[in-house]
Amino acid sequence: MAVVETKKEEKKEKKTQELGKSDFAYRFLIEPWITEKSHQNMVQNKYVFKTNPESNKKNIKKAVEDLYKVTVISVHVVNIHPKKRIYGRTKGFKSGYKKAIVTLKEGDKIQLFEGV
């Protein structure tokens, strides 16, 4: 019985390790940022992501490397501030966000962007 229980425990540990890596990545990366300008930057091996506002360069770098299995050379972060919007008499704000421009090593590509 003890052998069966240890195998079950090993399987649970493997699952938590696998989930841990992807969960880490999804905690900091929200979505890829797909625009005409971001497609032009892909020629220079630069990819753009919308990120969690609490994320920093080190977390973004690790998340991209773990999720896409590529080597990241540099990360540039841009904070987009909330913008005022007026619709009739209603006033409000368009929410702000954080954007990361990730430069990859020569020869590495992210396949997610290739099919778009």
Protein backbone atom coordinates (compact mmCIF):
# COMPACT_ATOMS: atom_id res chain seq x y z
CA MET A 1 0.00 0.00 0.00
CA ALA A 2 2.83 2.38 0.79
CA VAL A 3 4.24 2.07 -2.75
CA VAL A 4 0.89 3.02 -4.29
CA GLU A 5 0.55 6.05 -2.02
CA THR A 6 4.03 7.35 -2.85
CA LYS A 7 3.34 7.10 -6.59
CA LYS A 8 0.14 9.10 -6.13
CA GLU A 9 2.05 11.70 -4.15
CA GLU A 10 4.72 11.92 -6.88
CA LYS A 11 2.03 12.48 -9.53
CA LYS A 12 0.47 15.25 -7.43
CA GLU A 13 3.88 16.93 -7.01
CA LYS A 14 4.53 16.82 -10.78
CA LYS A 15 1.14 18.36 -11.51
CA THR A 16 1.69 21.16 -9.01
CA GLN A 17 5.15 21.86 -10.45
CA GLU A 18 3.73 22.08 -14.00
CA LEU A 19 0.86 24.28 -12.88
CA GLY A 20 3.23 26.42 -10.89
CA LYS A 21 5.26 27.47 -13.94
CA SER A 22 2.29 28.34 -16.14
CA ASP A 23 0.39 29.87 -13.23
CA PHE A 24 3.36 32.16 -12.59
CA ALA A 25 3.33 33.28 -16.22
CA TYR A 26 -0.40 33.91 -16.34
CA ARG A 27 -0.21 35.92 -13.13
CA PHE A 28 1.93 38.57 -14.84
CA LEU A 29 1.06 38.35 -18.57
CA ILE A 30 -2.54 39.27 -19.42
CA GLU A 31 -2.56 39.09 -23.23
CA PRO A 32 -0.40 39.73 -26.28
CA TRP A 33 -0.74 43.25 -27.65
CA ILE A 34 -1.50 42.90 -31.37
CA THR A 35 -1.38 46.11 -33.43
CA GLU A 36 0.23 47.21 -36.69
CA LYS A 37 3.14 48.71 -34.80
CA SER A 38 3.71 45.54 -32.78
CA HIS A 39 3.77 43.52 -36.02
CA GLN A 40 6.42 45.86 -37.43
CA ASN A 41 8.51 45.34 -34.29
CA MET A 42 8.43 41.55 -34.77
CA VAL A 43 10.97 41.97 -37.58
CA GLN A 44 13.39 43.26 -34.91
CA ASN A 45 12.45 40.31 -32.62
CA LYS A 46 10.41 42.53 -30.26
CA TYR A 47 7.05 41.35 -28.91
CA VAL A 48 4.50 43.37 -26.94
CA PHE A 49 2.34 42.12 -24.04
CA LYS A 50 -0.29 43.70 -21.82
CA THR A 51 0.81 42.92 -18.27
CA ASN A 52 -0.39 43.04 -14.70
CA PRO A 53 0.12 46.55 -13.21
CA GLU A 54 2.01 45.07 -10.23
CA SER A 55 4.50 43.18 -12.41
CA ASN A 56 8.13 44.24 -12.86
CA LYS A 57 10.80 43.54 -15.49
CA LYS A 58 12.22 40.46 -13.77
CA ASN A 59 8.79 38.83 -13.39
CA ILE A 60 7.85 39.59 -17.00
CA LYS A 61 11.14 38.17 -18.28
CA LYS A 62 10.74 34.95 -16.30
CA ALA A 63 7.07 34.60 -17.32
CA VAL A 64 7.84 34.93 -21.06
CA GLU A 65 10.77 32.51 -20.84
CA ASP A 66 8.72 29.91 -18.94
CA LEU A 67 5.59 30.19 -21.07
CA TYR A 68 7.10 30.37 -24.58
CA LYS A 69 10.47 28.60 -24.02
CA VAL A 70 12.54 31.46 -25.50
CA THR A 71 15.50 33.53 -24.32
CA VAL A 72 14.71 37.13 -23.39
CA ILE A 73 17.45 39.74 -23.86
CA SER A 74 15.66 42.83 -22.53
CA VAL A 75 12.30 44.08 -21.27
CA HIS A 76 10.99 47.64 -21.56
CA VAL A 77 7.90 48.62 -19.56
CA VAL A 78 5.43 51.40 -20.40
CA ASN A 79 2.68 52.60 -18.03
CA ILE A 80 -0.39 53.86 -19.90
CA HIS A 81 -2.28 56.25 -17.61
CA PRO A 82 -6.09 56.38 -17.35
CA LYS A 83 -7.73 58.73 -19.84
CA LYS A 84 -10.71 60.99 -19.19
CA ARG A 85 -13.81 60.16 -21.24
CA ILE A 86 -17.07 62.11 -21.50
CA TYR A 87 -20.18 60.49 -22.95
CA GLY A 88 -23.02 63.00 -22.90
CA ARG A 89 -23.38 64.16 -19.31
CA THR A 90 -21.57 61.11 -17.94
CA LYS A 91 -17.94 61.62 -17.04
CA GLY A 92 -15.50 58.83 -16.32
CA PHE A 93 -12.12 57.34 -17.00
CA LYS A 94 -10.83 54.74 -19.41
CA SER A 95 -8.74 52.37 -17.29
CA GLY A 96 -4.97 52.48 -17.51
CA TYR A 97 -2.70 49.49 -18.04
CA LYS A 98 0.92 48.39 -18.22
CA LYS A 99 2.58 47.28 -21.44
CA ALA A 100 5.86 45.37 -21.84
CA ILE A 101 8.08 45.27 -24.94
CA VAL A 102 10.15 42.08 -24.83
CA THR A 103 13.26 41.63 -27.02
CA LEU A 104 14.17 38.01 -27.79
CA LYS A 105 17.48 36.42 -28.68
CA GLU A 106 18.27 36.23 -32.41
CA GLY A 107 16.60 33.15 -33.89
CA ASP A 108 13.89 32.77 -31.20
CA LYS A 109 10.27 33.35 -32.19
CA ILE A 110 6.89 33.16 -30.51
CA GLN A 111 4.54 31.09 -32.65
CA LEU A 112 1.42 32.75 -31.23
CA PHE A 113 2.12 35.88 -33.25
CA GLU A 114 3.03 34.10 -36.50
CA GLY A 115 -0.50 32.86 -37.26
CA VAL A 116 -2.16 36.27 -36.81
